[in-house]
Amino acid sequence: MSELYPLLMTPAFDPRPWGTLDLSPIYSNQRFDEKIGEAWLTGDACKVANGPLRGRSLAELSTEFGRELVGEAARDPKRFPLLLKFLFPHEKLSVQVHPDDEAARRVGEPWGKTECWYVAHAKPGAQIGLGLKDGVTREQFGKAIQENRAEDLLNWINVFPGEMIYVAGGTVHTLGPNSIIVETQQQSDTTYRLYDYGRPRELHLKQGLAAVKENVKSGKVVHPAPTQVNGNRRAPLISAPYFSVEMFELKELFKFEAESD
């Protein structure tokens, strides 16, 4: 009989210069001495907070239980395939790009980083930069970086609570302030920073520009209306090659079952 059960994970809080000391309403009772930008929910170092496996890291459990925990679709049978995070941008993130699988393999990484963002909270006027404006080439964008006008060539869009955004690998992107984002992504932290508003952090122009794709299938996702099941509401938000995300509003008992193709 399996020792596995529904695991409650302790978040790992990651300091970032664009973060904030106040993570409410998600973590209203937490207080921090440095700005927190991300709360990792399924990072390798995240630990179980409940049951007999309490205190064990997700990396340990993935190695021990393999496919029983990570599933059959995961490329690496000993590593949890998805990284889930809360993002708390209080200032603009760097303009950055993650490689897709092909670009990642060219530099010796096992896979790239495609992700999606669910907008859990957004104040009026909150924006993201997603992809290059129509007709902008990689060369033009590289020149704009050198001339400190990279933001001018991004496609800026307003975001609102409840929206889902797909961010394919190779998409130049950034987040503006005044939102809280739930991010689901491939288990990778490969990020190429292209422009950082003068912050004293390393840029990765050679690798980053090589990973930039001029035309990408990124953008807001149109999802079906929620369905009602015994007083509960279920809404599919996105179905992509690397992940599917659904939202549940539970008022009655609900049985979750894994589905296999």
Protein backbone atom coordinates (compact mmCIF):
# COMPACT_ATOMS: atom_id res chain seq x y z
CA MET A 1 0.00 0.00 0.00
CA SER A 2 1.34 3.46 -0.95
CA GLU A 3 2.59 5.77 1.77
CA LEU A 4 1.55 8.81 -0.27
CA TYR A 5 -1.39 11.03 0.63
CA PRO A 6 -2.42 14.65 -0.19
CA LEU A 7 0.65 16.68 0.75
CA LEU A 8 0.47 20.14 2.29
CA MET A 9 3.69 21.94 1.36
CA THR A 10 5.40 24.72 3.31
CA PRO A 11 6.15 27.65 0.96
CA ALA A 12 9.72 28.83 0.38
CA PHE A 13 9.91 32.64 0.29
CA ASP A 14 12.35 34.09 -2.23
CA PRO A 15 13.67 37.68 -1.82
CA ARG A 16 13.61 39.85 -4.96
CA PRO A 17 14.33 43.60 -5.36
CA TRP A 18 10.93 44.12 -7.02
CA GLY A 19 9.03 42.37 -4.19
CA THR A 20 7.25 43.60 -1.09
CA LEU A 21 7.21 43.19 2.70
CA ASP A 22 3.41 42.71 2.71
CA LEU A 23 2.18 39.48 1.10
CA SER A 24 -1.47 39.90 2.08
CA PRO A 25 -4.05 38.72 1.42
CA ILE A 26 -2.26 35.44 0.59
CA TYR A 27 0.05 35.36 3.63
CA SER A 28 -1.54 37.93 5.93
CA ASN A 29 0.18 36.69 9.10
CA GLN A 30 3.75 36.59 7.72
CA ARG A 31 6.20 39.41 8.40
CA PHE A 32 9.50 39.85 6.55
CA ASP A 33 12.69 41.90 6.95
CA GLU A 34 13.44 41.93 3.20
CA LYS A 35 11.33 42.27 0.09
CA ILE A 36 9.79 38.98 -1.01
CA GLY A 37 8.99 38.54 -4.68
CA GLU A 38 8.03 34.88 -4.89
CA ALA A 39 6.56 32.14 -2.71
CA TRP A 40 7.57 28.76 -4.14
CA LEU A 41 4.98 26.06 -3.49
CA THR A 42 6.52 23.03 -5.21
CA GLY A 43 10.22 23.82 -5.29
CA ASP A 44 12.72 21.03 -4.71
CA ALA A 45 13.48 22.37 -1.22
CA CYS A 46 9.84 22.86 -0.17
CA LYS A 47 8.94 20.60 2.76
CA VAL A 48 5.81 18.66 3.69
CA ALA A 49 3.85 20.25 6.53
CA ASN A 50 1.40 17.43 7.31
CA GLY A 51 1.20 13.72 8.05
CA PRO A 52 3.88 11.03 8.39
CA LEU A 53 6.12 12.62 5.72
CA ARG A 54 6.23 15.96 7.56
CA GLY A 55 9.62 17.66 7.21
CA ARG A 56 10.64 15.74 4.06
CA SER A 57 11.54 17.82 1.00
CA LEU A 58 9.80 17.45 -2.34
CA ALA A 59 13.16 16.54 -3.91
CA GLU A 60 13.58 13.66 -1.45
CA LEU A 61 10.07 12.36 -2.04
CA SER A 62 10.38 12.60 -5.83
CA THR A 63 13.55 10.51 -5.68
CA GLU A 64 12.01 7.98 -3.32
CA PHE A 65 8.57 7.54 -4.88
CA GLY A 66 9.37 8.31 -8.52
CA ARG A 67 6.51 7.80 -10.97
CA GLU A 68 4.07 7.14 -8.14
CA LEU A 69 4.44 10.82 -7.16
CA VAL A 70 5.47 12.63 -10.36
CA GLY A 71 3.27 10.72 -12.81
CA GLU A 72 3.95 9.06 -16.12
CA ALA A 73 4.19 12.24 -18.23
CA ALA A 74 7.16 13.69 -16.34
CA ARG A 75 10.39 13.46 -18.34
CA ASP A 76 12.53 12.90 -15.27
CA PRO A 77 11.01 10.13 -13.12
CA LYS A 78 12.89 11.40 -10.06
CA ARG A 79 11.97 15.10 -10.16
CA PHE A 80 8.65 16.85 -9.64
CA PRO A 81 7.80 18.25 -13.10
CA LEU A 82 5.96 21.49 -12.24
CA LEU A 83 6.91 24.52 -10.20
CA LEU A 84 4.04 26.53 -8.71
CA LYS A 85 4.58 30.01 -7.27
CA PHE A 86 2.86 33.12 -6.02
CA LEU A 87 4.43 36.28 -7.47
CA PHE A 88 4.14 39.60 -5.60
CA PRO A 89 5.43 42.34 -7.94
CA HIS A 90 5.60 45.70 -6.16
CA GLU A 91 7.86 47.16 -8.85
CA LYS A 92 8.52 46.12 -12.45
CA LEU A 93 10.31 42.82 -12.94
CA SER A 94 13.28 42.74 -15.25
CA VAL A 95 12.53 42.32 -18.94
CA GLN A 96 13.43 38.67 -19.45
CA VAL A 97 13.02 35.54 -21.51
CA HIS A 98 13.00 31.82 -20.74
CA PRO A 99 14.20 29.37 -23.39
CA ASP A 100 11.85 26.85 -24.95
CA ASP A 101 12.86 23.18 -24.89
CA GLU A 102 14.90 23.40 -28.09
CA ALA A 103 16.87 26.48 -27.01
CA ALA A 104 17.46 24.98 -23.55
CA ARG A 105 18.90 21.78 -24.98
CA ARG A 106 21.32 23.81 -27.13
CA VAL A 107 22.96 25.10 -23.95
CA GLY A 108 22.91 21.81 -22.07
CA GLU A 109 19.69 22.24 -20.07
CA PRO A 110 17.25 19.28 -20.02
CA TRP A 111 14.17 21.39 -20.82
CA GLY A 112 12.98 24.95 -21.13
CA LYS A 113 10.46 27.02 -19.23
CA THR A 114 6.94 27.54 -20.51
CA GLU A 115 4.56 28.97 -17.92
CA CYS A 116 1.13 30.43 -17.30
CA TRP A 117 -0.09 33.19 -15.00
CA TYR A 118 -3.42 33.30 -13.22
CA VAL A 119 -4.24 36.82 -12.03
CA ALA A 120 -5.40 36.32 -8.44
CA HIS A 121 -5.50 40.03 -7.67
CA ALA A 122 -4.93 43.21 -9.68
CA LYS A 123 -5.43 46.87 -8.95
CA PRO A 124 -6.81 49.13 -11.70
CA GLY A 125 -4.13 49.85 -14.29
CA ALA A 126 -2.04 46.73 -13.59
CA GLN A 127 -0.15 45.67 -16.72
CA ILE A 128 2.18 43.03 -18.10
CA GLY A 129 4.59 43.22 -21.00
CA LEU A 130 4.09 40.12 -23.16
CA GLY A 131 6.02 39.57 -26.35
CA LEU A 132 7.42 42.05 -28.86
CA LYS A 133 5.27 44.47 -30.79
CA ASP A 134 4.22 43.32 -34.26
CA GLY A 135 7.08 43.50 -36.73
CA VAL A 136 9.87 43.98 -34.16
CA THR A 137 12.88 41.77 -34.88
CA ARG A 138 15.36 40.25 -32.47
CA GLU A 139 18.04 42.59 -33.83
CA GLN A 140 15.88 45.67 -33.32
CA PHE A 141 15.10 44.61 -29.78
CA GLY A 142 18.79 44.04 -29.04
CA LYS A 143 19.56 47.57 -30.23
CA ALA A 144 16.73 48.97 -28.10
CA ILE A 145 18.25 47.30 -25.02
CA GLN A 146 21.57 49.06 -25.67
CA GLU A 147 19.71 52.37 -26.05
CA ASN A 148 17.72 51.87 -22.79
CA ARG A 149 14.35 51.78 -24.55
CA ALA A 150 13.56 48.05 -24.41
CA GLU A 151 10.17 48.70 -22.78
CA ASP A 152 9.03 50.69 -25.82
CA LEU A 153 9.12 47.59 -28.02
CA LEU A 154 7.07 45.36 -25.68
CA ASN A 155 3.41 44.55 -26.12
CA TRP A 156 1.81 46.00 -22.96
CA ILE A 157 -1.63 44.74 -21.91
CA ASN A 158 -3.91 45.44 -18.95
CA VAL A 159 -4.70 42.52 -16.65
CA PHE A 160 -7.71 41.86 -14.45
CA PRO A 161 -8.50 39.38 -11.65
CA GLY A 162 -9.54 35.96 -12.92
CA GLU A 163 -7.60 36.11 -16.18
CA MET A 164 -5.18 33.40 -17.35
CA ILE A 165 -2.15 34.25 -19.50
CA TYR A 166 -0.07 31.70 -21.42
CA VAL A 167 3.66 32.48 -21.67
CA ALA A 168 5.39 30.16 -24.13
CA GLY A 169 9.14 29.63 -23.89
CA GLY A 170 10.96 32.23 -25.99
CA THR A 171 8.51 35.04 -25.11
CA VAL A 172 10.06 38.31 -23.94
CA HIS A 173 8.04 39.40 -20.92
CA THR A 174 7.82 41.36 -17.70
CA LEU A 175 5.31 42.03 -14.95
CA GLY A 176 4.32 45.48 -13.80
CA PRO A 177 3.36 46.28 -10.19
CA ASN A 178 0.00 46.00 -8.41
CA SER A 179 -0.99 42.40 -9.05
CA ILE A 180 -0.67 38.98 -7.40
CA ILE A 181 0.03 36.16 -9.83
CA VAL A 182 -0.25 32.39 -9.48
CA GLU A 183 2.40 30.93 -11.78
CA THR A 184 2.48 27.34 -13.06
CA GLN A 185 5.59 26.41 -15.02
CA GLN A 186 7.95 23.70 -16.10
CA GLN A 187 10.32 22.84 -13.25
CA SER A 188 13.12 25.15 -14.32
CA ASP A 189 14.54 28.43 -13.09
CA THR A 190 16.42 29.23 -16.31
CA THR A 191 15.89 32.97 -16.75
CA TYR A 192 17.80 35.28 -19.07
CA ARG A 193 17.64 38.88 -17.84
CA LEU A 194 17.67 41.30 -20.78
CA TYR A 195 16.95 44.70 -19.22
CA ASP A 196 16.71 45.69 -15.56
CA TYR A 197 16.13 49.47 -15.29
CA GLY A 198 19.65 50.09 -14.01
CA ARG A 199 19.49 47.65 -11.10
CA PRO A 200 22.95 46.24 -10.31
CA ARG A 201 22.18 42.70 -11.49
CA GLU A 202 23.79 40.63 -14.20
CA LEU A 203 22.29 40.67 -17.69
CA HIS A 204 22.37 37.66 -20.03
CA LEU A 205 22.21 39.32 -23.44
CA LYS A 206 23.98 36.71 -25.56
CA GLN A 207 22.01 33.72 -24.26
CA GLY A 208 18.81 35.72 -23.89
CA LEU A 209 18.68 37.21 -27.38
CA ALA A 210 19.47 33.78 -28.83
CA ALA A 211 16.43 32.39 -26.99
CA VAL A 212 14.04 35.19 -28.06
CA LYS A 213 11.32 34.18 -30.52
CA GLU A 214 9.77 36.96 -32.56
CA ASN A 215 6.43 35.21 -33.07
CA VAL A 216 5.00 33.25 -30.14
CA LYS A 217 1.64 31.79 -29.19
CA SER A 218 1.40 33.67 -25.92
CA GLY A 219 -1.48 35.75 -24.63
CA LYS A 220 -4.71 35.76 -22.64
CA VAL A 221 -6.58 32.45 -22.57
CA VAL A 222 -10.32 32.28 -23.23
CA HIS A 223 -11.72 29.58 -20.96
CA PRO A 224 -15.21 28.06 -20.70
CA ALA A 225 -17.75 29.15 -18.11
CA PRO A 226 -17.70 27.24 -14.80
CA THR A 227 -19.85 24.16 -14.39
CA GLN A 228 -21.94 23.48 -11.29
CA VAL A 229 -21.62 20.09 -9.57
CA ASN A 230 -23.54 19.48 -6.31
CA GLY A 231 -23.09 23.03 -5.09
CA ASN A 232 -19.45 23.19 -6.19
CA ARG A 233 -18.10 25.17 -9.14
CA ARG A 234 -15.38 23.88 -11.48
CA ALA A 235 -13.70 26.02 -14.14
CA PRO A 236 -11.03 24.80 -16.58
CA LEU A 237 -8.54 27.66 -16.99
CA ILE A 238 -5.93 26.28 -19.38
CA SER A 239 -4.86 23.06 -21.06
CA ALA A 240 -1.35 23.19 -22.52
CA PRO A 241 1.33 20.65 -23.49
CA TYR A 242 3.06 20.94 -20.10
CA PHE A 243 0.21 21.52 -17.66
CA SER A 244 -3.53 21.85 -17.15
CA VAL A 245 -4.97 24.25 -14.60
CA GLU A 246 -8.48 24.20 -13.18
CA MET A 247 -10.15 26.29 -10.50
CA PHE A 248 -12.55 24.83 -7.94
CA GLU A 249 -14.94 26.61 -5.59
CA LEU A 250 -15.91 23.95 -3.05
CA LYS A 251 -18.91 24.19 -0.77
CA GLU A 252 -19.68 20.46 -0.56
CA LEU A 253 -17.57 17.30 -0.43
CA PHE A 254 -15.77 16.64 -3.72
CA LYS A 255 -13.76 13.60 -4.82
CA PHE A 256 -10.67 14.31 -6.91
CA GLU A 257 -9.49 11.62 -9.31
CA ALA A 258 -6.47 11.56 -11.60
CA GLU A 259 -7.26 11.07 -15.26
CA SER A 260 -4.93 9.35 -17.72
CA ASP A 261 -5.10 9.55 -21.49
